[in-house]
């Protein structure tokens, strides 16, 4: 993925990013998911970059949990 606009952060924020998502089979009916993402903090937010990291990580964790819940519901 490259570039992001909208989503969990709202439509007025545009953050350059790239990432990768990998699925690892654990058993015939389950897998692990690994998300790797990097992003550029806009210049105006650079002084707050370190403070934003836990917020962004929290958003990503919630998004991954919603994905897991959806995947489990669809698998039934």
PDB file of N, CA and C in Angstrom:
ATOM      1  N   UNK A   1       0.854  -1.171   0.000  1.00  0.00           N
ATOM      2  CA  UNK A   1       0.000   0.000   0.000  1.00  0.00           C
ATOM      3  C   UNK A   1       0.890   1.222   0.000  1.00  0.00           C
ATOM      4  N   UNK A   2       0.456   2.259  -0.612  1.00  0.00           N
ATOM      5  CA  UNK A   2       1.262   3.461  -0.654  1.00  0.00           C
ATOM      6  C   UNK A   2       0.343   4.664  -0.603  1.00  0.00           C
ATOM      7  N   UNK A   3       0.512   5.478   0.410  1.00  0.00           N
ATOM      8  CA  UNK A   3      -0.316   6.660   0.583  1.00  0.00           C
ATOM      9  C   UNK A   3      -1.632   6.325   1.243  1.00  0.00           C
ATOM     10  N   UNK A   4      -2.125   7.274   2.006  1.00  0.00           N
ATOM     11  CA  UNK A   4      -3.378   7.047   2.707  1.00  0.00           C
ATOM     12  C   UNK A   4      -4.115   8.352   2.834  1.00  0.00           C
ATOM     13  N   UNK A   5      -5.390   8.286   2.664  1.00  0.00           N
ATOM     14  CA  UNK A   5      -6.239   9.450   2.881  1.00  0.00           C
ATOM     15  C   UNK A   5      -7.546   8.939   3.448  1.00  0.00           C
ATOM     16  N   UNK A   6      -7.969   9.529   4.532  1.00  0.00           N
ATOM     17  CA  UNK A   6      -9.219   9.102   5.141  1.00  0.00           C
ATOM     18  C   UNK A   6      -9.000   7.951   6.083  1.00  0.00           C
ATOM     19  N   UNK A   7      -9.934   7.022   6.086  1.00  0.00           N
ATOM     20  CA  UNK A   7      -9.848   5.875   6.980  1.00  0.00           C
ATOM     21  C   UNK A   7     -10.032   6.290   8.423  1.00  0.00           C
ATOM     22  N   UNK A   8      -9.354   5.601   9.316  1.00  0.00           N
ATOM     23  CA  UNK A   8      -9.511   5.840  10.750  1.00  0.00           C
ATOM     24  C   UNK A   8      -9.041   7.224  11.170  1.00  0.00           C
ATOM     25  N   UNK A   9      -8.183   7.844  10.378  1.00  0.00           N
ATOM     26  CA  UNK A   9      -7.638   9.143  10.759  1.00  0.00           C
ATOM     27  C   UNK A   9      -8.483  10.313  10.282  1.00  0.00           C
ATOM     28  N   UNK A  10      -9.476  10.066   9.453  1.00  0.00           N
ATOM     29  CA  UNK A  10     -10.322  11.148   8.954  1.00  0.00           C
ATOM     30  C   UNK A  10      -9.905  11.576   7.566  1.00  0.00           C
ATOM     31  N   UNK A  11     -10.834  12.161   6.824  1.00  0.00           N
ATOM     32  CA  UNK A  11     -10.592  12.471   5.421  1.00  0.00           C
ATOM     33  C   UNK A  11      -9.722  13.699   5.201  1.00  0.00           C
ATOM     34  N   UNK A  12      -9.496  14.519   6.226  1.00  0.00           N
ATOM     35  CA  UNK A  12      -8.717  15.736   6.027  1.00  0.00           C
ATOM     36  C   UNK A  12      -7.219  15.514   6.238  1.00  0.00           C
ATOM     37  N   UNK A  13      -6.810  14.302   6.599  1.00  0.00           N
ATOM     38  CA  UNK A  13      -5.400  14.018   6.850  1.00  0.00           C
ATOM     39  C   UNK A  13      -4.878  13.111   5.744  1.00  0.00           C
ATOM     40  N   UNK A  14      -3.764  13.496   5.137  1.00  0.00           N
ATOM     41  CA  UNK A  14      -3.133  12.701   4.100  1.00  0.00           C
ATOM     42  C   UNK A  14      -1.736  12.345   4.582  1.00  0.00           C
ATOM     43  N   UNK A  15      -1.460  11.058   4.784  1.00  0.00           N
ATOM     44  CA  UNK A  15      -0.184  10.608   5.321  1.00  0.00           C
ATOM     45  C   UNK A  15       0.461   9.644   4.344  1.00  0.00           C
ATOM     46  N   UNK A  16       1.654   9.998   3.889  1.00  0.00           N
ATOM     47  CA  UNK A  16       2.408   9.113   3.002  1.00  0.00           C
ATOM     48  C   UNK A  16       2.835   7.893   3.815  1.00  0.00           C
ATOM     49  N   UNK A  17       2.573   6.705   3.275  1.00  0.00           N
ATOM     50  CA  UNK A  17       2.932   5.493   3.996  1.00  0.00           C
ATOM     51  C   UNK A  17       3.161   4.353   3.031  1.00  0.00           C
ATOM     52  N   UNK A  18       3.736   3.312   3.553  1.00  0.00           N
ATOM     53  CA  UNK A  18       3.873   2.067   2.809  1.00  0.00           C
ATOM     54  C   UNK A  18       3.913   0.948   3.817  1.00  0.00           C
ATOM     55  N   UNK A  19       3.493  -0.198   3.379  1.00  0.00           N
ATOM     56  CA  UNK A  19       3.449  -1.303   4.314  1.00  0.00           C
ATOM     57  C   UNK A  19       3.257  -2.628   3.642  1.00  0.00           C
ATOM     58  N   UNK A  20       3.172  -3.633   4.483  1.00  0.00           N
ATOM     59  CA  UNK A  20       3.036  -4.989   4.000  1.00  0.00           C
ATOM     60  C   UNK A  20       2.253  -5.776   5.041  1.00  0.00           C
ATOM     61  N   UNK A  21       1.383  -6.640   4.589  1.00  0.00           N
ATOM     62  CA  UNK A  21       0.670  -7.521   5.492  1.00  0.00           C
ATOM     63  C   UNK A  21       0.943  -8.950   5.050  1.00  0.00           C
ATOM     64  N   UNK A  22       1.294  -9.791   6.026  1.00  0.00           N
ATOM     65  CA  UNK A  22       1.632 -11.185   5.730  1.00  0.00           C
ATOM     66  C   UNK A  22       0.758 -12.101   6.577  1.00  0.00           C
ATOM     67  N   UNK A  23       0.354 -13.197   5.972  1.00  0.00           N
ATOM     68  CA  UNK A  23      -0.435 -14.209   6.646  1.00  0.00           C
ATOM     69  C   UNK A  23       0.411 -15.477   6.753  1.00  0.00           C
ATOM     70  N   UNK A  24       0.486 -16.027   7.963  1.00  0.00           N
ATOM     71  CA  UNK A  24       1.252 -17.249   8.204  1.00  0.00           C
ATOM     72  C   UNK A  24       0.301 -18.332   8.703  1.00  0.00           C
ATOM     73  N   UNK A  25       0.217 -19.427   7.974  1.00  0.00           N
ATOM     74  CA  UNK A  25      -0.672 -20.524   8.361  1.00  0.00           C
ATOM     75  C   UNK A  25      -0.153 -21.155   9.652  1.00  0.00           C
ATOM     76  N   UNK A  26      -1.023 -21.273  10.635  1.00  0.00           N
ATOM     77  CA  UNK A  26      -0.699 -21.948  11.891  1.00  0.00           C
ATOM     78  C   UNK A  26      -1.263 -23.362  11.898  1.00  0.00           C
ATOM     79  N   UNK A  27      -2.422 -23.506  11.293  1.00  0.00           N
ATOM     80  CA  UNK A  27      -3.091 -24.802  11.192  1.00  0.00           C
ATOM     81  C   UNK A  27      -4.033 -24.704   9.990  1.00  0.00           C
ATOM     82  N   UNK A  28      -4.726 -25.785   9.646  1.00  0.00           N
ATOM     83  CA  UNK A  28      -5.655 -25.700   8.516  1.00  0.00           C
ATOM     84  C   UNK A  28      -6.767 -24.662   8.701  1.00  0.00           C
ATOM     85  N   UNK A  29      -7.038 -24.284   9.948  1.00  0.00           N
ATOM     86  CA  UNK A  29      -8.143 -23.350  10.175  1.00  0.00           C
ATOM     87  C   UNK A  29      -7.730 -22.047  10.867  1.00  0.00           C
ATOM     88  N   UNK A  30      -6.424 -21.779  10.964  1.00  0.00           N
ATOM     89  CA  UNK A  30      -6.010 -20.517  11.606  1.00  0.00           C
ATOM     90  C   UNK A  30      -4.698 -20.012  11.025  1.00  0.00           C
ATOM     91  N   UNK A  31      -4.471 -18.725  11.236  1.00  0.00           N
ATOM     92  CA  UNK A  31      -3.232 -18.116  10.757  1.00  0.00           C
ATOM     93  C   UNK A  31      -2.847 -16.961  11.678  1.00  0.00           C
ATOM     94  N   UNK A  32      -1.609 -16.538  11.549  1.00  0.00           N
ATOM     95  CA  UNK A  32      -1.123 -15.333  12.212  1.00  0.00           C
ATOM     96  C   UNK A  32      -1.025 -14.249  11.152  1.00  0.00           C
ATOM     97  N   UNK A  33      -1.181 -13.008  11.572  1.00  0.00           N
ATOM     98  CA  UNK A  33      -1.085 -11.872  10.659  1.00  0.00           C
ATOM     99  C   UNK A  33       0.007 -10.950  11.166  1.00  0.00           C
ATOM    100  N   UNK A  34       0.901 -10.547  10.266  1.00  0.00           N
ATOM    101  CA  UNK A  34       1.962  -9.604  10.619  1.00  0.00           C
ATOM    102  C   UNK A  34       1.817  -8.381   9.733  1.00  0.00           C
ATOM    103  N   UNK A  35       1.702  -7.219  10.356  1.00  0.00           N
ATOM    104  CA  UNK A  35       1.592  -5.951   9.645  1.00  0.00           C
ATOM    105  C   UNK A  35       2.868  -5.154   9.858  1.00  0.00           C
ATOM    106  N   UNK A  36       3.462  -4.704   8.765  1.00  0.00           N
ATOM    107  CA  UNK A  36       4.622  -3.831   8.816  1.00  0.00           C
ATOM    108  C   UNK A  36       4.231  -2.546   8.100  1.00  0.00           C
ATOM    109  N   UNK A  37       4.409  -1.407   8.751  1.00  0.00           N
ATOM    110  CA  UNK A  37       4.025  -0.142   8.139  1.00  0.00           C
ATOM    111  C   UNK A  37       5.033   0.933   8.519  1.00  0.00           C
ATOM    112  N   UNK A  38       5.293   1.799   7.566  1.00  0.00           N
ATOM    113  CA  UNK A  38       6.099   2.990   7.846  1.00  0.00           C
ATOM    114  C   UNK A  38       5.339   4.177   7.279  1.00  0.00           C
ATOM    115  N   UNK A  39       5.492   5.314   7.918  1.00  0.00           N
ATOM    116  CA  UNK A  39       4.760   6.496   7.479  1.00  0.00           C
ATOM    117  C   UNK A  39       5.578   7.740   7.747  1.00  0.00           C
ATOM    118  N   UNK A  40       5.270   8.776   6.999  1.00  0.00           N
ATOM    119  CA  UNK A  40       5.930  10.059   7.164  1.00  0.00           C
ATOM    120  C   UNK A  40       4.981  11.005   7.883  1.00  0.00           C
ATOM    121  N   UNK A  41       5.455  11.525   8.986  1.00  0.00           N
ATOM    122  CA  UNK A  41       4.649  12.490   9.727  1.00  0.00           C
ATOM    123  C   UNK A  41       4.708  13.817   8.962  1.00  0.00           C
ATOM    124  N   UNK A  42       3.559  14.431   8.673  1.00  0.00           N
ATOM    125  CA  UNK A  42       3.573  15.728   7.990  1.00  0.00           C
ATOM    126  C   UNK A  42       4.410  16.745   8.774  1.00  0.00           C
ATOM    127  N   UNK A  43       5.093  17.638   8.053  1.00  0.00           N
ATOM    128  CA  UNK A  43       5.992  18.615   8.682  1.00  0.00           C
ATOM    129  C   UNK A  43       5.340  19.362   9.836  1.00  0.00           C
ATOM    130  N   UNK A  44       4.080  19.720   9.670  1.00  0.00           N
ATOM    131  CA  UNK A  44       3.396  20.489  10.706  1.00  0.00           C
ATOM    132  C   UNK A  44       3.250  19.688  12.001  1.00  0.00           C
ATOM    133  N   UNK A  45       3.259  18.352  11.894  1.00  0.00           N
ATOM    134  CA  UNK A  45       3.114  17.499  13.076  1.00  0.00           C
ATOM    135  C   UNK A  45       4.443  16.926  13.571  1.00  0.00           C
ATOM    136  N   UNK A  46       5.546  17.219  12.873  1.00  0.00           N
ATOM    137  CA  UNK A  46       6.851  16.655  13.218  1.00  0.00           C
ATOM    138  C   UNK A  46       7.243  16.873  14.681  1.00  0.00           C
ATOM    139  N   UNK A  47       7.002  18.063  15.261  1.00  0.00           N
ATOM    140  CA  UNK A  47       7.375  18.238  16.670  1.00  0.00           C
ATOM    141  C   UNK A  47       6.634  17.284  17.618  1.00  0.00           C
ATOM    142  N   UNK A  48       5.523  16.727  17.155  1.00  0.00           N
ATOM    143  CA  UNK A  48       4.712  15.847  17.987  1.00  0.00           C
ATOM    144  C   UNK A  48       4.836  14.387  17.572  1.00  0.00           C
ATOM    145  N   UNK A  49       5.778  14.095  16.664  1.00  0.00           N
ATOM    146  CA  UNK A  49       5.911  12.749  16.098  1.00  0.00           C
ATOM    147  C   UNK A  49       5.993  11.652  17.136  1.00  0.00           C
ATOM    148  N   UNK A  50       6.822  11.829  18.155  1.00  0.00           N
ATOM    149  CA  UNK A  50       6.967  10.791  19.184  1.00  0.00           C
ATOM    150  C   UNK A  50       5.682  10.600  19.969  1.00  0.00           C
ATOM    151  N   UNK A  51       4.977  11.681  20.211  1.00  0.00           N
ATOM    152  CA  UNK A  51       3.719  11.592  20.956  1.00  0.00           C
ATOM    153  C   UNK A  51       2.629  10.936  20.117  1.00  0.00           C
ATOM    154  N   UNK A  52       2.724  11.051  18.792  1.00  0.00           N
ATOM    155  CA  UNK A  52       1.705  10.471  17.910  1.00  0.00           C
ATOM    156  C   UNK A  52       1.856   8.967  17.735  1.00  0.00           C
ATOM    157  N   UNK A  53       3.065   8.448  17.943  1.00  0.00           N
ATOM    158  CA  UNK A  53       3.316   7.022  17.713  1.00  0.00           C
ATOM    159  C   UNK A  53       2.336   6.121  18.473  1.00  0.00           C
ATOM    160  N   UNK A  54       2.127   6.314  19.785  1.00  0.00           N
ATOM    161  CA  UNK A  54       1.179   5.424  20.467  1.00  0.00           C
ATOM    162  C   UNK A  54      -0.255   5.574  19.949  1.00  0.00           C
ATOM    163  N   UNK A  55      -0.616   6.754  19.500  1.00  0.00           N
ATOM    164  CA  UNK A  55      -1.964   6.978  18.956  1.00  0.00           C
ATOM    165  C   UNK A  55      -2.126   6.194  17.658  1.00  0.00           C
ATOM    166  N   UNK A  56      -1.135   6.316  16.772  1.00  0.00           N
ATOM    167  CA  UNK A  56      -1.188   5.601  15.492  1.00  0.00           C
ATOM    168  C   UNK A  56      -1.177   4.094  15.735  1.00  0.00           C
ATOM    169  N   UNK A  57      -0.333   3.626  16.657  1.00  0.00           N
ATOM    170  CA  UNK A  57      -0.284   2.198  16.954  1.00  0.00           C
ATOM    171  C   UNK A  57      -1.625   1.712  17.510  1.00  0.00           C
ATOM    172  N   UNK A  58      -2.279   2.522  18.318  1.00  0.00           N
ATOM    173  CA  UNK A  58      -3.594   2.166  18.846  1.00  0.00           C
ATOM    174  C   UNK A  58      -4.634   2.057  17.743  1.00  0.00           C
ATOM    175  N   UNK A  59      -4.604   2.994  16.807  1.00  0.00           N
ATOM    176  CA  UNK A  59      -5.534   2.950  15.670  1.00  0.00           C
ATOM    177  C   UNK A  59      -5.305   1.691  14.848  1.00  0.00           C
ATOM    178  N   UNK A  60      -4.040   1.390  14.573  1.00  0.00           N
ATOM    179  CA  UNK A  60      -3.722   0.193  13.790  1.00  0.00           C
ATOM    180  C   UNK A  60      -4.148  -1.079  14.523  1.00  0.00           C
ATOM    181  N   UNK A  61      -3.928  -1.129  15.822  1.00  0.00           N
ATOM    182  CA  UNK A  61      -4.321  -2.306  16.602  1.00  0.00           C
ATOM    183  C   UNK A  61      -5.837  -2.507  16.542  1.00  0.00           C
ATOM    184  N   UNK A  62      -6.595  -1.425  16.661  1.00  0.00           N
ATOM    185  CA  UNK A  62      -8.056  -1.529  16.588  1.00  0.00           C
ATOM    186  C   UNK A  62      -8.497  -1.953  15.190  1.00  0.00           C
ATOM    187  N   UNK A  63      -7.847  -1.406  14.157  1.00  0.00           N
ATOM    188  CA  UNK A  63      -8.176  -1.797  12.781  1.00  0.00           C
ATOM    189  C   UNK A  63      -7.898  -3.289  12.558  1.00  0.00           C
ATOM    190  N   UNK A  64      -6.754  -3.779  13.071  1.00  0.00           N
ATOM    191  CA  UNK A  64      -6.432  -5.200  12.923  1.00  0.00           C
ATOM    192  C   UNK A  64      -7.420  -6.076  13.687  1.00  0.00           C
ATOM    193  N   UNK A  65      -7.870  -5.612  14.847  1.00  0.00           N
ATOM    194  CA  UNK A  65      -8.852  -6.387  15.602  1.00  0.00           C
ATOM    195  C   UNK A  65     -10.178  -6.457  14.850  1.00  0.00           C
ATOM    196  N   UNK A  66     -10.591  -5.334  14.236  1.00  0.00           N
ATOM    197  CA  UNK A  66     -11.819  -5.345  13.434  1.00  0.00           C
ATOM    198  C   UNK A  66     -11.675  -6.303  12.249  1.00  0.00           C
ATOM    199  N   UNK A  67     -10.490  -6.320  11.629  1.00  0.00           N
ATOM    200  CA  UNK A  67     -10.232  -7.247  10.535  1.00  0.00           C
ATOM    201  C   UNK A  67     -10.333  -8.694  11.027  1.00  0.00           C
ATOM    202  N   UNK A  68      -9.727  -8.990  12.172  1.00  0.00           N
ATOM    203  CA  UNK A  68      -9.770 -10.346  12.728  1.00  0.00           C
ATOM    204  C   UNK A  68     -11.214 -10.758  13.023  1.00  0.00           C
ATOM    205  N   UNK A  69     -11.985  -9.851  13.608  1.00  0.00           N
ATOM    206  CA  UNK A  69     -13.385 -10.148  13.912  1.00  0.00           C
ATOM    207  C   UNK A  69     -14.175 -10.437  12.634  1.00  0.00           C
ATOM    208  N   UNK A  70     -13.941  -9.644  11.604  1.00  0.00           N
ATOM    209  CA  UNK A  70     -14.614  -9.845  10.322  1.00  0.00           C
ATOM    210  C   UNK A  70     -14.214 -11.170   9.695  1.00  0.00           C
ATOM    211  N   UNK A  71     -12.913 -11.470   9.703  1.00  0.00           N
ATOM    212  CA  UNK A  71     -12.436 -12.725   9.119  1.00  0.00           C
ATOM    213  C   UNK A  71     -13.025 -13.923   9.847  1.00  0.00           C
ATOM    214  N   UNK A  72     -13.109 -13.847  11.169  1.00  0.00           N
ATOM    215  CA  UNK A  72     -13.694 -14.954  11.938  1.00  0.00           C
ATOM    216  C   UNK A  72     -15.172 -15.107  11.639  1.00  0.00           C
ATOM    217  N   UNK A  73     -15.881 -14.005  11.523  1.00  0.00           N
ATOM    218  CA  UNK A  73     -17.322 -14.055  11.234  1.00  0.00           C
ATOM    219  C   UNK A  73     -17.580 -14.642   9.842  1.00  0.00           C
ATOM    220  N   UNK A  74     -16.739 -14.308   8.885  1.00  0.00           N
ATOM    221  CA  UNK A  74     -16.905 -14.807   7.516  1.00  0.00           C
ATOM    222  C   UNK A  74     -16.538 -16.271   7.396  1.00  0.00           C
ATOM    223  N   UNK A  75     -15.673 -16.750   8.294  1.00  0.00           N
ATOM    224  CA  UNK A  75     -15.206 -18.133   8.224  1.00  0.00           C
ATOM    225  C   UNK A  75     -16.256 -19.118   8.726  1.00  0.00           C
ATOM    226  N   UNK A  76     -17.241 -18.619   9.425  1.00  0.00           N
ATOM    227  CA  UNK A  76     -18.267 -19.501  10.013  1.00  0.00           C
ATOM    228  C   UNK A  76     -19.245 -19.991   8.980  1.00  0.00           C
TER     229      UNK A  76
END
